[in-house]
Amino acid sequence: MDADYVIYLGRSTMETALLVSAPILAVCMISGILISLFQTVTQIRDMTLTMAPKIIGTGLVALLFGNWMLQVLVRFTTEIFAQIQTYGQ
């Protein structure tokens, strides 16, 4: 195992993690900005108002994109195990 492979493995891991987490992070960020804007305009300071839409949005995104996320993770894991098997021989 050389340095180039370790760099490739680290980069591939980070790309996969970013790809899988991007939909949920985007929904949380967008809903957080919209809720903060709404709270600033109306001067309502309620913690339930900030958390409930984020939880609902995260749940909906997990339901919509969960199958795709799982496929990406399984593909990545299969690739890693295949490469480990070739190094073991």
N, C-alpha and C. Protein backbone atom coordinates (compact mmCIF):
# COMPACT_ATOMS: atom_id res chain seq x y z
N MET A 1 0.86 -1.17 0.00
CA MET A 1 0.00 0.00 0.00
C MET A 1 0.90 1.23 0.00
N ASP A 2 0.81 2.02 -1.04
CA ASP A 2 1.66 3.19 -1.14
C ASP A 2 0.89 4.46 -0.78
N ALA A 3 1.60 5.59 -0.79
CA ALA A 3 1.00 6.86 -0.36
C ALA A 3 -0.09 7.32 -1.32
N ASP A 4 0.06 7.04 -2.59
CA ASP A 4 -0.97 7.46 -3.55
C ASP A 4 -2.30 6.76 -3.28
N TYR A 5 -2.23 5.49 -2.92
CA TYR A 5 -3.46 4.75 -2.64
C TYR A 5 -4.12 5.27 -1.37
N VAL A 6 -3.34 5.60 -0.37
CA VAL A 6 -3.90 6.14 0.88
C VAL A 6 -4.58 7.48 0.61
N ILE A 7 -3.96 8.31 -0.20
CA ILE A 7 -4.57 9.60 -0.56
C ILE A 7 -5.86 9.38 -1.35
N TYR A 8 -5.83 8.45 -2.30
CA TYR A 8 -7.04 8.12 -3.06
C TYR A 8 -8.15 7.62 -2.14
N LEU A 9 -7.79 6.76 -1.21
CA LEU A 9 -8.78 6.20 -0.29
C LEU A 9 -9.39 7.28 0.60
N GLY A 10 -8.56 8.18 1.11
CA GLY A 10 -9.06 9.28 1.93
C GLY A 10 -9.95 10.22 1.14
N ARG A 11 -9.54 10.53 -0.09
CA ARG A 11 -10.33 11.42 -0.93
C ARG A 11 -11.67 10.77 -1.28
N SER A 12 -11.64 9.51 -1.62
CA SER A 12 -12.86 8.80 -1.96
C SER A 12 -13.81 8.73 -0.76
N THR A 13 -13.26 8.52 0.41
CA THR A 13 -14.07 8.48 1.62
C THR A 13 -14.73 9.83 1.89
N MET A 14 -13.96 10.90 1.76
CA MET A 14 -14.51 12.23 2.00
C MET A 14 -15.57 12.60 0.95
N GLU A 15 -15.34 12.24 -0.30
CA GLU A 15 -16.33 12.52 -1.35
C GLU A 15 -17.63 11.77 -1.09
N THR A 16 -17.51 10.52 -0.69
CA THR A 16 -18.71 9.72 -0.40
C THR A 16 -19.47 10.29 0.79
N ALA A 17 -18.75 10.66 1.84
CA ALA A 17 -19.40 11.24 3.02
C ALA A 17 -20.10 12.54 2.67
N LEU A 18 -19.47 13.38 1.88
CA LEU A 18 -20.09 14.64 1.48
C LEU A 18 -21.30 14.41 0.59
N LEU A 19 -21.19 13.46 -0.32
CA LEU A 19 -22.28 13.16 -1.24
C LEU A 19 -23.51 12.63 -0.49
N VAL A 20 -23.27 11.78 0.50
CA VAL A 20 -24.39 11.18 1.24
C VAL A 20 -25.02 12.19 2.19
N SER A 21 -24.22 13.04 2.80
CA SER A 21 -24.77 13.97 3.79
C SER A 21 -25.30 15.27 3.18
N ALA A 22 -24.99 15.55 1.92
CA ALA A 22 -25.37 16.83 1.31
C ALA A 22 -26.87 17.10 1.31
N PRO A 23 -27.74 16.15 0.94
CA PRO A 23 -29.17 16.50 0.93
C PRO A 23 -29.72 16.88 2.30
N ILE A 24 -29.33 16.15 3.32
CA ILE A 24 -29.83 16.45 4.67
C ILE A 24 -29.26 17.77 5.17
N LEU A 25 -27.97 18.00 4.94
CA LEU A 25 -27.36 19.25 5.38
C LEU A 25 -27.96 20.45 4.65
N ALA A 26 -28.25 20.30 3.37
CA ALA A 26 -28.83 21.40 2.61
C ALA A 26 -30.22 21.75 3.12
N VAL A 27 -31.03 20.74 3.40
CA VAL A 27 -32.38 21.01 3.90
C VAL A 27 -32.33 21.66 5.28
N CYS A 28 -31.44 21.19 6.15
CA CYS A 28 -31.31 21.79 7.48
C CYS A 28 -30.83 23.24 7.39
N MET A 29 -29.89 23.49 6.49
CA MET A 29 -29.37 24.85 6.35
C MET A 29 -30.43 25.80 5.79
N ILE A 30 -31.12 25.37 4.76
CA ILE A 30 -32.15 26.23 4.15
C ILE A 30 -33.30 26.47 5.11
N SER A 31 -33.76 25.42 5.78
CA SER A 31 -34.86 25.62 6.73
C SER A 31 -34.41 26.48 7.91
N GLY A 32 -33.18 26.33 8.36
CA GLY A 32 -32.68 27.16 9.45
C GLY A 32 -32.62 28.63 9.07
N ILE A 33 -32.17 28.92 7.85
CA ILE A 33 -32.12 30.31 7.40
C ILE A 33 -33.52 30.89 7.28
N LEU A 34 -34.45 30.12 6.70
CA LEU A 34 -35.82 30.61 6.56
C LEU A 34 -36.50 30.83 7.91
N ILE A 35 -36.28 29.92 8.84
CA ILE A 35 -36.88 30.06 10.17
C ILE A 35 -36.28 31.24 10.91
N SER A 36 -34.97 31.42 10.80
CA SER A 36 -34.32 32.57 11.45
C SER A 36 -34.83 33.88 10.87
N LEU A 37 -35.02 33.92 9.57
CA LEU A 37 -35.57 35.11 8.94
C LEU A 37 -36.99 35.38 9.42
N PHE A 38 -37.79 34.33 9.51
CA PHE A 38 -39.16 34.48 10.00
C PHE A 38 -39.17 34.96 11.46
N GLN A 39 -38.29 34.41 12.28
CA GLN A 39 -38.23 34.83 13.68
C GLN A 39 -37.75 36.27 13.81
N THR A 40 -36.85 36.68 12.95
CA THR A 40 -36.37 38.06 13.00
C THR A 40 -37.48 39.03 12.60
N VAL A 41 -38.23 38.68 11.60
CA VAL A 41 -39.31 39.56 11.13
C VAL A 41 -40.43 39.65 12.15
N THR A 42 -40.82 38.51 12.73
CA THR A 42 -41.96 38.51 13.66
C THR A 42 -41.56 38.66 15.12
N GLN A 43 -40.28 38.61 15.41
CA GLN A 43 -39.74 38.70 16.78
C GLN A 43 -40.30 37.62 17.70
N ILE A 44 -40.53 36.45 17.15
CA ILE A 44 -40.96 35.29 17.93
C ILE A 44 -39.71 34.49 18.29
N ARG A 45 -39.50 34.24 19.56
CA ARG A 45 -38.33 33.48 20.02
C ARG A 45 -38.81 32.19 20.70
N ASP A 46 -39.09 31.20 19.90
CA ASP A 46 -39.55 29.92 20.44
C ASP A 46 -38.66 28.82 19.90
N MET A 47 -38.10 28.00 20.78
CA MET A 47 -37.19 26.94 20.37
C MET A 47 -37.91 25.85 19.59
N THR A 48 -39.18 25.65 19.88
CA THR A 48 -39.95 24.65 19.14
C THR A 48 -40.07 25.05 17.68
N LEU A 49 -40.19 26.33 17.44
CA LEU A 49 -40.31 26.83 16.07
C LEU A 49 -39.03 26.57 15.28
N THR A 50 -37.89 26.53 15.93
CA THR A 50 -36.65 26.29 15.20
C THR A 50 -36.39 24.81 14.98
N MET A 51 -36.75 23.96 15.92
CA MET A 51 -36.40 22.55 15.82
C MET A 51 -37.40 21.70 15.05
N ALA A 52 -38.67 21.95 15.22
CA ALA A 52 -39.69 21.10 14.59
C ALA A 52 -39.59 21.07 13.06
N PRO A 53 -39.48 22.20 12.38
CA PRO A 53 -39.36 22.12 10.91
C PRO A 53 -38.08 21.43 10.44
N LYS A 54 -37.00 21.61 11.17
CA LYS A 54 -35.75 20.94 10.80
C LYS A 54 -35.88 19.42 10.94
N ILE A 55 -36.51 18.98 12.00
CA ILE A 55 -36.69 17.54 12.20
C ILE A 55 -37.63 16.97 11.14
N ILE A 56 -38.69 17.68 10.85
CA ILE A 56 -39.63 17.22 9.82
C ILE A 56 -38.95 17.19 8.44
N GLY A 57 -38.20 18.24 8.12
CA GLY A 57 -37.49 18.29 6.84
C GLY A 57 -36.44 17.20 6.72
N THR A 58 -35.72 16.95 7.80
CA THR A 58 -34.71 15.89 7.80
C THR A 58 -35.36 14.53 7.60
N GLY A 59 -36.49 14.30 8.24
CA GLY A 59 -37.20 13.04 8.08
C GLY A 59 -37.70 12.83 6.66
N LEU A 60 -38.24 13.90 6.07
CA LEU A 60 -38.72 13.79 4.69
C LEU A 60 -37.58 13.53 3.71
N VAL A 61 -36.46 14.21 3.91
CA VAL A 61 -35.31 14.00 3.03
C VAL A 61 -34.76 12.59 3.20
N ALA A 62 -34.73 12.10 4.43
CA ALA A 62 -34.26 10.74 4.66
C ALA A 62 -35.18 9.72 3.98
N LEU A 63 -36.48 9.99 3.99
CA LEU A 63 -37.41 9.09 3.30
C LEU A 63 -37.26 9.16 1.78
N LEU A 64 -37.07 10.35 1.27
CA LEU A 64 -36.96 10.51 -0.18
C LEU A 64 -35.61 10.03 -0.74
N PHE A 65 -34.53 10.35 -0.05
CA PHE A 65 -33.20 10.05 -0.55
C PHE A 65 -32.53 8.88 0.16
N GLY A 66 -33.22 8.23 1.08
CA GLY A 66 -32.61 7.14 1.84
C GLY A 66 -32.14 5.98 0.99
N ASN A 67 -32.94 5.59 0.01
CA ASN A 67 -32.58 4.49 -0.87
C ASN A 67 -31.32 4.82 -1.65
N TRP A 68 -31.26 6.02 -2.20
CA TRP A 68 -30.08 6.45 -2.95
C TRP A 68 -28.84 6.52 -2.06
N MET A 69 -29.00 7.06 -0.86
CA MET A 69 -27.87 7.14 0.08
C MET A 69 -27.34 5.75 0.42
N LEU A 70 -28.25 4.82 0.64
CA LEU A 70 -27.84 3.46 0.96
C LEU A 70 -27.12 2.81 -0.22
N GLN A 71 -27.59 3.06 -1.43
CA GLN A 71 -26.93 2.51 -2.61
C GLN A 71 -25.51 3.06 -2.76
N VAL A 72 -25.33 4.34 -2.51
CA VAL A 72 -23.99 4.95 -2.59
C VAL A 72 -23.07 4.34 -1.55
N LEU A 73 -23.56 4.17 -0.33
CA LEU A 73 -22.74 3.60 0.73
C LEU A 73 -22.41 2.14 0.48
N VAL A 74 -23.37 1.37 -0.04
CA VAL A 74 -23.10 -0.04 -0.34
C VAL A 74 -22.09 -0.16 -1.46
N ARG A 75 -22.20 0.68 -2.49
CA ARG A 75 -21.25 0.66 -3.60
C ARG A 75 -19.84 0.99 -3.10
N PHE A 76 -19.73 2.00 -2.24
CA PHE A 76 -18.43 2.39 -1.69
C PHE A 76 -17.85 1.26 -0.83
N THR A 77 -18.68 0.67 0.02
CA THR A 77 -18.21 -0.41 0.89
C THR A 77 -17.78 -1.62 0.08
N THR A 78 -18.54 -1.97 -0.95
CA THR A 78 -18.18 -3.09 -1.81
C THR A 78 -16.83 -2.84 -2.50
N GLU A 79 -16.63 -1.61 -2.96
CA GLU A 79 -15.36 -1.26 -3.60
C GLU A 79 -14.19 -1.37 -2.63
N ILE A 80 -14.38 -0.90 -1.41
CA ILE A 80 -13.32 -0.96 -0.41
C ILE A 80 -13.00 -2.42 -0.06
N PHE A 81 -14.02 -3.24 0.13
CA PHE A 81 -13.76 -4.64 0.48
C PHE A 81 -13.10 -5.38 -0.68
N ALA A 82 -13.46 -5.04 -1.90
CA ALA A 82 -12.82 -5.68 -3.06
C ALA A 82 -11.34 -5.31 -3.12
N GLN A 83 -11.03 -4.06 -2.81
CA GLN A 83 -9.64 -3.63 -2.82
C GLN A 83 -8.86 -4.24 -1.66
N ILE A 84 -9.48 -4.42 -0.52
CA ILE A 84 -8.82 -5.09 0.59
C ILE A 84 -8.53 -6.54 0.23
N GLN A 85 -9.45 -7.17 -0.46
CA GLN A 85 -9.26 -8.56 -0.86
C GLN A 85 -8.09 -8.69 -1.83
N THR A 86 -7.92 -7.74 -2.74
CA THR A 86 -6.80 -7.84 -3.67
C THR A 86 -5.47 -7.61 -2.97
N TYR A 87 -5.44 -6.79 -1.94
CA TYR A 87 -4.20 -6.59 -1.18
C TYR A 87 -3.87 -7.77 -0.30
N GLY A 88 -4.88 -8.54 0.08
CA GLY A 88 -4.66 -9.71 0.94
C GLY A 88 -4.05 -10.90 0.21
N GLN A 89 -4.10 -10.88 -1.10
CA GLN A 89 -3.59 -12.03 -1.87
C GLN A 89 -2.12 -11.94 -2.13
